[in-house]
N, C-alpha and C. Protein backbone atom coordinates (compact mmCIF):
# COMPACT_ATOMS: atom_id res chain seq x y z
N UNK A 1 26.18 -30.69 9.87
CA UNK A 1 26.12 -31.15 8.49
C UNK A 1 25.07 -30.38 7.69
N UNK A 2 23.91 -30.10 8.29
CA UNK A 2 22.86 -29.39 7.57
C UNK A 2 22.75 -27.93 7.98
N UNK A 3 23.69 -27.46 8.80
CA UNK A 3 23.61 -26.09 9.28
C UNK A 3 23.93 -25.08 8.19
N UNK A 4 23.35 -23.90 8.35
CA UNK A 4 23.64 -22.78 7.45
C UNK A 4 24.86 -22.05 8.00
N UNK A 5 25.53 -21.30 7.12
CA UNK A 5 26.72 -20.54 7.51
C UNK A 5 26.42 -19.06 7.38
N UNK A 6 26.59 -18.34 8.47
CA UNK A 6 26.37 -16.89 8.46
C UNK A 6 27.44 -16.21 7.61
N UNK A 7 27.00 -15.45 6.61
CA UNK A 7 27.92 -14.72 5.74
C UNK A 7 28.04 -13.26 6.14
N UNK A 8 26.93 -12.66 6.56
CA UNK A 8 26.93 -11.26 7.00
C UNK A 8 25.74 -11.02 7.90
N UNK A 9 25.88 -10.02 8.79
CA UNK A 9 24.82 -9.67 9.73
C UNK A 9 25.02 -8.20 10.09
N UNK A 10 24.15 -7.32 9.57
CA UNK A 10 24.32 -5.88 9.75
C UNK A 10 22.99 -5.23 10.12
N UNK A 11 23.09 -4.10 10.80
CA UNK A 11 21.93 -3.25 11.08
C UNK A 11 22.00 -2.05 10.15
N UNK A 12 20.88 -1.75 9.51
CA UNK A 12 20.82 -0.60 8.60
C UNK A 12 19.47 0.09 8.81
N UNK A 13 19.50 1.28 9.40
CA UNK A 13 18.26 2.01 9.64
C UNK A 13 17.27 1.26 10.51
N UNK A 14 17.77 0.54 11.50
CA UNK A 14 16.90 -0.22 12.39
C UNK A 14 16.46 -1.57 11.86
N UNK A 15 16.87 -1.91 10.65
CA UNK A 15 16.53 -3.20 10.04
C UNK A 15 17.77 -4.10 10.06
N UNK A 16 17.58 -5.31 10.55
CA UNK A 16 18.67 -6.29 10.56
C UNK A 16 18.69 -7.02 9.24
N UNK A 17 19.85 -7.03 8.59
CA UNK A 17 20.02 -7.72 7.31
C UNK A 17 21.09 -8.79 7.48
N UNK A 18 20.71 -10.02 7.21
CA UNK A 18 21.63 -11.14 7.37
C UNK A 18 21.60 -12.01 6.12
N UNK A 19 22.76 -12.58 5.81
CA UNK A 19 22.87 -13.49 4.67
C UNK A 19 23.49 -14.80 5.14
N UNK A 20 22.94 -15.91 4.65
CA UNK A 20 23.40 -17.24 5.04
C UNK A 20 23.66 -18.09 3.80
N UNK A 21 24.73 -18.85 3.85
CA UNK A 21 24.99 -19.88 2.85
C UNK A 21 24.29 -21.14 3.31
N UNK A 22 23.53 -21.76 2.41
CA UNK A 22 22.82 -22.99 2.76
C UNK A 22 23.75 -24.19 2.66
N UNK A 23 23.32 -25.32 3.21
CA UNK A 23 24.12 -26.54 3.15
C UNK A 23 24.04 -27.14 1.74
N UNK A 24 24.90 -28.09 1.47
CA UNK A 24 25.04 -28.65 0.12
C UNK A 24 23.91 -29.56 -0.33
N UNK A 25 23.03 -29.99 0.57
CA UNK A 25 22.00 -30.96 0.17
C UNK A 25 20.74 -30.31 -0.39
N UNK A 26 20.62 -28.98 -0.29
CA UNK A 26 19.43 -28.29 -0.80
C UNK A 26 19.76 -27.59 -2.12
N UNK A 27 18.73 -27.24 -2.85
CA UNK A 27 18.91 -26.61 -4.16
C UNK A 27 19.30 -25.14 -4.08
N UNK A 28 18.85 -24.44 -3.05
CA UNK A 28 19.20 -23.02 -2.92
C UNK A 28 20.64 -22.90 -2.44
N UNK A 29 21.24 -21.74 -2.75
CA UNK A 29 22.64 -21.49 -2.39
C UNK A 29 22.78 -20.52 -1.23
N UNK A 30 21.85 -19.56 -1.16
CA UNK A 30 21.95 -18.51 -0.15
C UNK A 30 20.56 -18.02 0.22
N UNK A 31 20.44 -17.54 1.47
CA UNK A 31 19.20 -16.93 1.95
C UNK A 31 19.54 -15.57 2.53
N UNK A 32 18.86 -14.53 2.06
CA UNK A 32 19.00 -13.18 2.58
C UNK A 32 17.73 -12.84 3.35
N UNK A 33 17.91 -12.40 4.59
CA UNK A 33 16.78 -12.15 5.49
C UNK A 33 16.84 -10.72 6.00
N UNK A 34 15.68 -10.06 6.04
CA UNK A 34 15.56 -8.75 6.67
C UNK A 34 14.56 -8.87 7.81
N UNK A 35 14.97 -8.41 9.00
CA UNK A 35 14.13 -8.44 10.19
C UNK A 35 13.94 -7.04 10.75
N UNK A 36 12.72 -6.76 11.18
CA UNK A 36 12.41 -5.55 11.91
C UNK A 36 12.04 -6.02 13.32
N UNK A 37 12.99 -5.97 14.23
CA UNK A 37 12.80 -6.59 15.55
C UNK A 37 12.75 -8.09 15.36
N UNK A 38 11.64 -8.71 15.78
CA UNK A 38 11.49 -10.16 15.59
C UNK A 38 10.50 -10.49 14.47
N UNK A 39 10.18 -9.47 13.65
CA UNK A 39 9.26 -9.67 12.52
C UNK A 39 10.04 -9.73 11.22
N UNK A 40 9.74 -10.73 10.41
CA UNK A 40 10.41 -10.89 9.12
C UNK A 40 9.85 -9.88 8.13
N UNK A 41 10.71 -9.06 7.58
CA UNK A 41 10.31 -8.11 6.54
C UNK A 41 10.38 -8.76 5.16
N UNK A 42 11.50 -9.46 4.92
CA UNK A 42 11.64 -10.12 3.62
C UNK A 42 12.63 -11.27 3.71
N UNK A 43 12.46 -12.21 2.79
CA UNK A 43 13.38 -13.33 2.60
C UNK A 43 13.60 -13.48 1.11
N UNK A 44 14.86 -13.60 0.72
CA UNK A 44 15.20 -13.82 -0.69
C UNK A 44 16.15 -15.01 -0.78
N UNK A 45 15.80 -15.94 -1.64
CA UNK A 45 16.66 -17.10 -1.89
C UNK A 45 17.45 -16.88 -3.17
N UNK A 46 18.68 -17.35 -3.18
CA UNK A 46 19.48 -17.44 -4.40
C UNK A 46 19.50 -18.91 -4.77
N UNK A 47 19.03 -19.23 -5.96
CA UNK A 47 18.93 -20.62 -6.38
C UNK A 47 17.67 -21.26 -5.81
N UNK A 48 17.56 -22.54 -6.02
CA UNK A 48 16.39 -23.27 -5.55
C UNK A 48 15.28 -23.24 -6.59
N UNK A 49 14.18 -23.84 -6.26
CA UNK A 49 13.00 -23.87 -7.13
C UNK A 49 12.33 -22.51 -7.05
N UNK A 50 12.41 -21.74 -8.10
CA UNK A 50 12.00 -20.34 -8.10
C UNK A 50 10.58 -20.11 -7.58
N UNK A 51 9.64 -20.86 -8.07
CA UNK A 51 8.25 -20.68 -7.62
C UNK A 51 8.09 -21.01 -6.15
N UNK A 52 8.72 -22.09 -5.70
CA UNK A 52 8.60 -22.49 -4.30
C UNK A 52 9.26 -21.48 -3.37
N UNK A 53 10.44 -21.01 -3.73
CA UNK A 53 11.13 -20.06 -2.85
C UNK A 53 10.43 -18.71 -2.85
N UNK A 54 9.87 -18.30 -3.97
CA UNK A 54 9.09 -17.05 -3.99
C UNK A 54 7.84 -17.19 -3.13
N UNK A 55 7.17 -18.32 -3.23
CA UNK A 55 5.97 -18.55 -2.43
C UNK A 55 6.29 -18.59 -0.96
N UNK A 56 7.34 -19.29 -0.59
CA UNK A 56 7.76 -19.37 0.80
C UNK A 56 8.09 -17.97 1.34
N UNK A 57 8.82 -17.20 0.55
CA UNK A 57 9.18 -15.84 0.95
C UNK A 57 7.95 -14.98 1.19
N UNK A 58 6.96 -15.09 0.32
CA UNK A 58 5.72 -14.32 0.47
C UNK A 58 4.95 -14.74 1.71
N UNK A 59 4.94 -16.03 2.00
CA UNK A 59 4.18 -16.53 3.15
C UNK A 59 4.78 -16.16 4.50
N UNK A 60 6.10 -16.00 4.56
CA UNK A 60 6.73 -15.69 5.86
C UNK A 60 6.83 -14.19 6.12
N UNK A 61 6.72 -13.37 5.10
CA UNK A 61 6.82 -11.91 5.29
C UNK A 61 5.73 -11.43 6.24
N UNK A 62 6.14 -10.66 7.25
CA UNK A 62 5.20 -10.12 8.22
C UNK A 62 4.96 -11.02 9.43
N UNK A 63 5.51 -12.23 9.40
CA UNK A 63 5.34 -13.15 10.53
C UNK A 63 6.49 -13.01 11.53
N UNK A 64 6.25 -13.42 12.75
CA UNK A 64 7.27 -13.43 13.78
C UNK A 64 8.26 -14.55 13.52
N UNK A 65 9.51 -14.27 13.82
CA UNK A 65 10.60 -15.22 13.60
C UNK A 65 10.31 -16.57 14.25
N UNK A 66 9.91 -16.58 15.52
CA UNK A 66 9.67 -17.84 16.23
C UNK A 66 8.52 -18.63 15.64
N UNK A 67 7.51 -17.95 15.12
CA UNK A 67 6.38 -18.63 14.47
C UNK A 67 6.87 -19.37 13.22
N UNK A 68 7.71 -18.72 12.44
CA UNK A 68 8.23 -19.32 11.21
C UNK A 68 9.14 -20.50 11.54
N UNK A 69 9.97 -20.36 12.56
CA UNK A 69 10.83 -21.47 12.97
C UNK A 69 9.97 -22.69 13.32
N UNK A 70 8.92 -22.48 14.10
CA UNK A 70 8.04 -23.57 14.52
C UNK A 70 7.37 -24.25 13.31
N UNK A 71 7.04 -23.47 12.30
CA UNK A 71 6.36 -24.02 11.13
C UNK A 71 7.30 -24.79 10.21
N UNK A 72 8.55 -24.34 10.07
CA UNK A 72 9.43 -24.87 9.03
C UNK A 72 10.52 -25.80 9.52
N UNK A 73 10.82 -25.78 10.80
CA UNK A 73 11.91 -26.57 11.35
C UNK A 73 11.70 -28.06 11.09
N UNK A 74 12.69 -28.68 10.49
CA UNK A 74 12.67 -30.12 10.29
C UNK A 74 12.01 -30.60 9.00
N UNK A 75 11.53 -29.70 8.16
CA UNK A 75 10.96 -30.13 6.88
C UNK A 75 12.06 -30.76 6.04
N UNK A 76 11.78 -31.94 5.52
CA UNK A 76 12.76 -32.73 4.79
C UNK A 76 12.35 -32.83 3.33
N UNK A 77 13.26 -32.56 2.42
CA UNK A 77 12.99 -32.64 0.98
C UNK A 77 13.63 -33.90 0.40
N UNK A 78 12.81 -34.77 -0.08
CA UNK A 78 13.26 -35.98 -0.80
C UNK A 78 14.26 -36.81 0.00
N UNK A 79 14.11 -36.88 1.32
CA UNK A 79 15.00 -37.69 2.15
C UNK A 79 16.41 -37.15 2.29
N UNK A 80 16.59 -35.88 1.99
CA UNK A 80 17.94 -35.28 2.05
C UNK A 80 18.36 -34.90 3.46
N UNK A 81 17.41 -34.82 4.39
CA UNK A 81 17.73 -34.43 5.76
C UNK A 81 17.51 -32.96 6.04
N UNK A 82 17.22 -32.19 5.01
CA UNK A 82 16.91 -30.77 5.16
C UNK A 82 16.12 -30.33 3.93
N UNK A 83 15.81 -29.05 3.86
CA UNK A 83 15.07 -28.49 2.73
C UNK A 83 15.30 -26.98 2.73
N UNK A 84 14.84 -26.31 1.71
CA UNK A 84 14.94 -24.84 1.69
C UNK A 84 14.16 -24.22 2.85
N UNK A 85 12.94 -24.70 3.17
CA UNK A 85 12.26 -24.17 4.35
C UNK A 85 13.02 -24.46 5.65
N UNK A 86 13.54 -25.66 5.81
CA UNK A 86 14.31 -26.01 7.01
C UNK A 86 15.55 -25.14 7.12
N UNK A 87 16.19 -24.85 6.01
CA UNK A 87 17.37 -23.98 6.04
C UNK A 87 17.01 -22.58 6.52
N UNK A 88 15.83 -22.08 6.14
CA UNK A 88 15.38 -20.79 6.64
C UNK A 88 15.18 -20.86 8.16
N UNK A 89 14.57 -21.91 8.65
CA UNK A 89 14.37 -22.07 10.10
C UNK A 89 15.71 -22.09 10.82
N UNK A 90 16.66 -22.80 10.25
CA UNK A 90 18.02 -22.87 10.87
C UNK A 90 18.68 -21.51 10.89
N UNK A 91 18.50 -20.73 9.81
CA UNK A 91 19.08 -19.39 9.76
C UNK A 91 18.42 -18.49 10.80
N UNK A 92 17.10 -18.55 10.89
CA UNK A 92 16.40 -17.70 11.85
C UNK A 92 16.79 -18.03 13.29
N UNK A 93 17.06 -19.30 13.58
CA UNK A 93 17.49 -19.69 14.92
C UNK A 93 18.80 -19.00 15.31
N UNK A 94 19.65 -18.73 14.33
CA UNK A 94 20.93 -18.09 14.61
C UNK A 94 20.80 -16.59 14.86
N UNK A 95 19.65 -16.03 14.51
CA UNK A 95 19.45 -14.58 14.66
C UNK A 95 18.74 -14.28 15.99
N UNK A 96 19.47 -14.34 17.05
CA UNK A 96 18.91 -14.07 18.39
C UNK A 96 18.96 -12.58 18.71
C-alpha cells in the first residue's frame, strides 16, 4: 500500500540512476536517485513541500544508502502511514 514503484533503473558512466513513483498518501509524486556504489550522489523530488524535500535531499547527499534507510524508515507524516522521507527509504531498499 505504501510501497514505491520503480519507473527506471539505469547505469550511466558508473552512476546508477533510478526513478520511483511514490504512493498516493504523500505529497511528492516521484523521487529520482543517483548512486555511486552505495553512496547517494543526489536525490530529487517531484512535488511535495519544496523546502522540506530540498533540505532532505541536501542532508542525504554523500551518505551511505544503508545509513539513510536507518534514519528515514518508518517516518510518518500526519498519520498517513508514510512520508516523503519514508518513501525515500523504501526506494533505497529496492536498490540492492
